[in-house]
Amino acid sequence: MTPTLREQALVEEATKKSGLIWVRGTGPTRALWHVWHEGAVLLVGDGPGEQPLPGLTDGSEADVTVRSKDKGGRLVSWTAAVTELAPDSEEWWAAVAELKGKRLNAPDGEAMVARWGRECRVVRLTPRAVGAELPSGSLAAVPPVTSATTRGEVPAALHRLLLGRKRRGRRG
């Protein structure tokens, strides 16, 4: 079922404004950064230092949920056709031109485009159908196992840094 013009406009506007989208192919649901370009979502991943794209294979379908950038709630859900772009094709270069401007903190700067061509996949998600209703329950899931960490040992003097020492008043 092809989305109506109104549904297409909703999907495009919500997806453009959202920093992350939630995507489920045949693998687990993942929050992914993306770019909206020419009526579709563009993703890059599955390479060193890039986001994983599990279950997003060429010719398959994926479920996409778009959240509000302001409040974080679900705005719209839609089904997408997954297309993997061939490296060095005209479509691939157009996609990479859009993606490289949005990629934050790339470890290799301008060399990332060559790395994407060698080691990563660029995927297009084209909307096919818009969900009639959003799910009523939570879609919360256990985070995937990873070696990444944000926490180390707490410094011994942390309490003094946070609380500070009481200042003595001046005597006049």
C-alpha atoms as a PDB file:
ATOM      1  CA  MET A   1       0.000   0.000   0.000  1.00  0.00           C
ATOM      2  CA  THR A   2       1.570   3.269  -1.144  1.00  0.00           C
ATOM      3  CA  PRO A   3       1.471   6.104   1.427  1.00  0.00           C
ATOM      4  CA  THR A   4      -0.878   9.004   0.664  1.00  0.00           C
ATOM      5  CA  LEU A   5       0.588  12.466   0.101  1.00  0.00           C
ATOM      6  CA  ARG A   6      -0.373  13.414   3.648  1.00  0.00           C
ATOM      7  CA  GLU A   7       1.318  10.309   5.078  1.00  0.00           C
ATOM      8  CA  GLN A   8       4.411  10.931   2.947  1.00  0.00           C
ATOM      9  CA  ALA A   9       4.587  14.508   4.224  1.00  0.00           C
ATOM     10  CA  LEU A  10       4.246  13.329   7.851  1.00  0.00           C
ATOM     11  CA  VAL A  11       6.953  10.690   7.429  1.00  0.00           C
ATOM     12  CA  GLU A  12       9.325  13.118   5.706  1.00  0.00           C
ATOM     13  CA  GLU A  13       8.871  16.004   8.119  1.00  0.00           C
ATOM     14  CA  ALA A  14       9.076  13.866  11.257  1.00  0.00           C
ATOM     15  CA  THR A  15      12.087  11.919   9.991  1.00  0.00           C
ATOM     16  CA  LYS A  16      13.977  15.037   8.870  1.00  0.00           C
ATOM     17  CA  LYS A  17      13.582  16.644  12.277  1.00  0.00           C
ATOM     18  CA  SER A  18      14.419  13.580  14.351  1.00  0.00           C
ATOM     19  CA  GLY A  19      18.055  13.006  15.286  1.00  0.00           C
ATOM     20  CA  LEU A  20      17.533   9.259  15.658  1.00  0.00           C
ATOM     21  CA  ILE A  21      15.151   6.721  14.243  1.00  0.00           C
ATOM     22  CA  TRP A  22      14.402   3.265  15.609  1.00  0.00           C
ATOM     23  CA  VAL A  23      14.846   0.582  12.947  1.00  0.00           C
ATOM     24  CA  ARG A  24      14.046  -3.134  13.089  1.00  0.00           C
ATOM     25  CA  GLY A  25      14.966  -5.406  10.205  1.00  0.00           C
ATOM     26  CA  THR A  26      15.361  -9.125  10.827  1.00  0.00           C
ATOM     27  CA  GLY A  27      17.687  -8.315  13.749  1.00  0.00           C
ATOM     28  CA  PRO A  28      17.150  -6.335  16.945  1.00  0.00           C
ATOM     29  CA  THR A  29      15.651  -2.839  16.987  1.00  0.00           C
ATOM     30  CA  ARG A  30      18.370  -0.179  16.940  1.00  0.00           C
ATOM     31  CA  ALA A  31      18.481   3.580  17.340  1.00  0.00           C
ATOM     32  CA  LEU A  32      20.324   4.877  14.270  1.00  0.00           C
ATOM     33  CA  TRP A  33      21.497   8.288  13.097  1.00  0.00           C
ATOM     34  CA  HIS A  34      20.406   9.033   9.575  1.00  0.00           C
ATOM     35  CA  VAL A  35      19.902  11.566   6.820  1.00  0.00           C
ATOM     36  CA  TRP A  36      16.680  12.129   4.874  1.00  0.00           C
ATOM     37  CA  HIS A  37      17.439  12.598   1.171  1.00  0.00           C
ATOM     38  CA  GLU A  38      15.193  12.470  -1.899  1.00  0.00           C
ATOM     39  CA  GLY A  39      12.273  10.697  -0.232  1.00  0.00           C
ATOM     40  CA  ALA A  40      14.231   8.101   1.746  1.00  0.00           C
ATOM     41  CA  VAL A  41      16.387   7.556   4.818  1.00  0.00           C
ATOM     42  CA  LEU A  42      20.109   7.030   4.262  1.00  0.00           C
ATOM     43  CA  LEU A  43      22.216   5.050   6.745  1.00  0.00           C
ATOM     44  CA  VAL A  44      25.884   4.134   6.898  1.00  0.00           C
ATOM     45  CA  GLY A  45      27.261   1.387   9.114  1.00  0.00           C
ATOM     46  CA  ASP A  46      28.532  -2.143   9.639  1.00  0.00           C
ATOM     47  CA  GLY A  47      32.146  -1.042   9.544  1.00  0.00           C
ATOM     48  CA  PRO A  48      34.819  -0.131  12.093  1.00  0.00           C
ATOM     49  CA  GLY A  49      33.744   2.886  14.124  1.00  0.00           C
ATOM     50  CA  GLU A  50      30.268   3.008  12.576  1.00  0.00           C
ATOM     51  CA  GLN A  51      26.811   2.007  13.791  1.00  0.00           C
ATOM     52  CA  PRO A  52      25.653  -1.603  13.369  1.00  0.00           C
ATOM     53  CA  LEU A  53      22.933  -2.291  10.793  1.00  0.00           C
ATOM     54  CA  PRO A  54      21.738  -5.759  11.826  1.00  0.00           C
ATOM     55  CA  GLY A  55      19.088  -7.366   9.678  1.00  0.00           C
ATOM     56  CA  LEU A  56      19.027  -4.635   7.036  1.00  0.00           C
ATOM     57  CA  THR A  57      19.686  -6.657   3.902  1.00  0.00           C
ATOM     58  CA  ASP A  58      19.136  -5.633   0.302  1.00  0.00           C
ATOM     59  CA  GLY A  59      15.592  -6.413  -0.834  1.00  0.00           C
ATOM     60  CA  SER A  60      14.189  -6.892   2.682  1.00  0.00           C
ATOM     61  CA  GLU A  61      11.797  -4.726   4.686  1.00  0.00           C
ATOM     62  CA  ALA A  62      12.315  -2.821   7.919  1.00  0.00           C
ATOM     63  CA  ASP A  63      10.012  -1.202  10.468  1.00  0.00           C
ATOM     64  CA  VAL A  64      10.915   2.397  11.302  1.00  0.00           C
ATOM     65  CA  THR A  65       9.668   4.367  14.307  1.00  0.00           C
ATOM     66  CA  VAL A  66      10.341   8.094  14.401  1.00  0.00           C
ATOM     67  CA  ARG A  67      10.506   9.911  17.695  1.00  0.00           C
ATOM     68  CA  SER A  68       9.972  13.554  18.549  1.00  0.00           C
ATOM     69  CA  LYS A  69      13.243  15.446  18.921  1.00  0.00           C
ATOM     70  CA  ASP A  70      11.668  17.660  21.590  1.00  0.00           C
ATOM     71  CA  LYS A  71       9.744  15.213  23.768  1.00  0.00           C
ATOM     72  CA  GLY A  72      11.179  11.849  22.711  1.00  0.00           C
ATOM     73  CA  GLY A  73       7.752  10.266  22.121  1.00  0.00           C
ATOM     74  CA  ARG A  74       6.800   8.274  19.029  1.00  0.00           C
ATOM     75  CA  LEU A  75       5.454  10.371  16.155  1.00  0.00           C
ATOM     76  CA  VAL A  76       4.984   7.912  13.308  1.00  0.00           C
ATOM     77  CA  SER A  77       5.827   4.332  12.368  1.00  0.00           C
ATOM     78  CA  TRP A  78       6.348   3.145   8.814  1.00  0.00           C
ATOM     79  CA  THR A  79       7.507   0.151   6.812  1.00  0.00           C
ATOM     80  CA  ALA A  80      10.481   0.610   4.498  1.00  0.00           C
ATOM     81  CA  ALA A  81      12.002  -1.219   1.565  1.00  0.00           C
ATOM     82  CA  VAL A  82      15.732  -1.759   2.179  1.00  0.00           C
ATOM     83  CA  THR A  83      18.181  -1.118  -0.653  1.00  0.00           C
ATOM     84  CA  GLU A  84      21.951  -1.435  -0.268  1.00  0.00           C
ATOM     85  CA  LEU A  85      23.768   1.035  -2.498  1.00  0.00           C
ATOM     86  CA  ALA A  86      26.722  -0.290  -4.496  1.00  0.00           C
ATOM     87  CA  PRO A  87      29.998   1.505  -3.684  1.00  0.00           C
ATOM     88  CA  ASP A  88      31.119   4.005  -6.338  1.00  0.00           C
ATOM     89  CA  SER A  89      27.702   4.058  -8.025  1.00  0.00           C
ATOM     90  CA  GLU A  90      26.086   7.411  -8.781  1.00  0.00           C
ATOM     91  CA  GLU A  91      23.457   6.780  -6.057  1.00  0.00           C
ATOM     92  CA  TRP A  92      26.187   5.862  -3.551  1.00  0.00           C
ATOM     93  CA  TRP A  93      28.110   9.106  -4.175  1.00  0.00           C
ATOM     94  CA  ALA A  94      24.932  11.191  -3.798  1.00  0.00           C
ATOM     95  CA  ALA A  95      24.133   9.397  -0.521  1.00  0.00           C
ATOM     96  CA  VAL A  96      27.670   9.734   0.831  1.00  0.00           C
ATOM     97  CA  ALA A  97      27.698  13.465   0.014  1.00  0.00           C
ATOM     98  CA  GLU A  98      24.666  13.878   2.294  1.00  0.00           C
ATOM     99  CA  LEU A  99      25.885  11.498   5.019  1.00  0.00           C
ATOM    100  CA  LYS A 100      29.392  12.920   5.395  1.00  0.00           C
ATOM    101  CA  GLY A 101      28.008  16.339   6.337  1.00  0.00           C
ATOM    102  CA  LYS A 102      26.022  14.808   9.221  1.00  0.00           C
ATOM    103  CA  ARG A 103      28.650  12.353  10.516  1.00  0.00           C
ATOM    104  CA  LEU A 104      29.909  13.679  13.847  1.00  0.00           C
ATOM    105  CA  ASN A 105      33.336  12.940  15.306  1.00  0.00           C
ATOM    106  CA  ALA A 106      34.649  10.819  12.453  1.00  0.00           C
ATOM    107  CA  PRO A 107      38.053   9.454  13.503  1.00  0.00           C
ATOM    108  CA  ASP A 108      39.541   9.839  10.020  1.00  0.00           C
ATOM    109  CA  GLY A 109      38.026  13.118   8.779  1.00  0.00           C
ATOM    110  CA  GLU A 110      37.857  13.365   4.982  1.00  0.00           C
ATOM    111  CA  ALA A 111      39.282   9.836   4.591  1.00  0.00           C
ATOM    112  CA  MET A 112      36.013   8.433   5.956  1.00  0.00           C
ATOM    113  CA  VAL A 113      34.421   8.424   2.492  1.00  0.00           C
ATOM    114  CA  ALA A 114      37.110   6.067   1.177  1.00  0.00           C
ATOM    115  CA  ARG A 115      36.723   3.926   4.323  1.00  0.00           C
ATOM    116  CA  TRP A 116      32.958   3.755   3.835  1.00  0.00           C
ATOM    117  CA  GLY A 117      33.526   2.507   0.289  1.00  0.00           C
ATOM    118  CA  ARG A 118      35.956  -0.205   1.447  1.00  0.00           C
ATOM    119  CA  GLU A 119      34.580  -1.328   4.807  1.00  0.00           C
ATOM    120  CA  CYS A 120      30.993  -0.105   5.343  1.00  0.00           C
ATOM    121  CA  ARG A 121      27.525  -0.393   3.862  1.00  0.00           C
ATOM    122  CA  VAL A 122      25.343   2.498   2.752  1.00  0.00           C
ATOM    123  CA  VAL A 123      21.644   1.628   2.948  1.00  0.00           C
ATOM    124  CA  ARG A 124      18.507   3.415   1.732  1.00  0.00           C
ATOM    125  CA  LEU A 125      15.149   2.925   3.487  1.00  0.00           C
ATOM    126  CA  THR A 126      12.264   3.948   1.216  1.00  0.00           C
ATOM    127  CA  PRO A 127       8.821   4.322   2.853  1.00  0.00           C
ATOM    128  CA  ARG A 128       6.281   1.733   1.654  1.00  0.00           C
ATOM    129  CA  ALA A 129       3.416   1.970   4.159  1.00  0.00           C
ATOM    130  CA  VAL A 130       2.594   4.105   7.162  1.00  0.00           C
ATOM    131  CA  GLY A 131       1.312   2.388  10.297  1.00  0.00           C
ATOM    132  CA  ALA A 132      -2.320   3.200  11.072  1.00  0.00           C
ATOM    133  CA  GLU A 133      -1.827   3.259  14.833  1.00  0.00           C
ATOM    134  CA  LEU A 134       1.123   3.606  17.110  1.00  0.00           C
ATOM    135  CA  PRO A 135       1.672   0.792  19.616  1.00  0.00           C
ATOM    136  CA  SER A 136      -0.041   1.471  22.938  1.00  0.00           C
ATOM    137  CA  GLY A 137       2.627  -0.130  25.138  1.00  0.00           C
ATOM    138  CA  SER A 138       6.280   0.519  25.725  1.00  0.00           C
ATOM    139  CA  LEU A 139       8.762  -0.790  23.206  1.00  0.00           C
ATOM    140  CA  ALA A 140      11.576  -0.685  25.770  1.00  0.00           C
ATOM    141  CA  ALA A 141      14.130  -3.473  25.448  1.00  0.00           C
ATOM    142  CA  VAL A 142      17.228  -4.628  27.249  1.00  0.00           C
ATOM    143  CA  PRO A 143      20.278  -2.836  25.801  1.00  0.00           C
ATOM    144  CA  PRO A 144      22.533  -5.023  23.652  1.00  0.00           C
ATOM    145  CA  VAL A 145      25.706  -6.371  25.231  1.00  0.00           C
ATOM    146  CA  THR A 146      28.719  -4.189  24.432  1.00  0.00           C
ATOM    147  CA  SER A 147      32.248  -3.603  25.626  1.00  0.00           C
ATOM    148  CA  ALA A 148      31.660   0.158  25.659  1.00  0.00           C
ATOM    149  CA  THR A 149      31.609   1.840  29.036  1.00  0.00           C
ATOM    150  CA  THR A 150      31.133   5.326  30.396  1.00  0.00           C
ATOM    151  CA  ARG A 151      32.064   4.614  33.950  1.00  0.00           C
ATOM    152  CA  GLY A 152      35.403   3.985  35.605  1.00  0.00           C
ATOM    153  CA  GLU A 153      36.577   4.119  39.177  1.00  0.00           C
ATOM    154  CA  VAL A 154      35.379   7.112  41.129  1.00  0.00           C
ATOM    155  CA  PRO A 155      38.291   9.350  42.212  1.00  0.00           C
ATOM    156  CA  ALA A 156      38.884   9.299  45.965  1.00  0.00           C
ATOM    157  CA  ALA A 157      38.618  13.094  46.258  1.00  0.00           C
ATOM    158  CA  LEU A 158      35.425  13.401  44.216  1.00  0.00           C
ATOM    159  CA  HIS A 159      33.300  14.310  47.226  1.00  0.00           C
ATOM    160  CA  ARG A 160      35.547  17.306  47.959  1.00  0.00           C
ATOM    161  CA  LEU A 161      35.330  18.491  44.346  1.00  0.00           C
ATOM    162  CA  LEU A 162      31.550  18.213  44.258  1.00  0.00           C
ATOM    163  CA  LEU A 163      30.759  19.557  47.698  1.00  0.00           C
ATOM    164  CA  GLY A 164      33.665  21.983  48.052  1.00  0.00           C
ATOM    165  CA  ARG A 165      35.085  23.064  51.332  1.00  0.00           C
ATOM    166  CA  LYS A 166      33.105  25.314  53.573  1.00  0.00           C
ATOM    167  CA  ARG A 167      34.399  28.821  53.374  1.00  0.00           C
ATOM    168  CA  ARG A 168      35.022  30.666  56.536  1.00  0.00           C
ATOM    169  CA  GLY A 169      33.489  34.077  56.842  1.00  0.00           C
ATOM    170  CA  ARG A 170      35.682  37.147  57.151  1.00  0.00           C
ATOM    171  CA  ARG A 171      36.167  38.654  60.486  1.00  0.00           C
ATOM    172  CA  GLY A 172      35.879  42.362  60.537  1.00  0.00           C
END
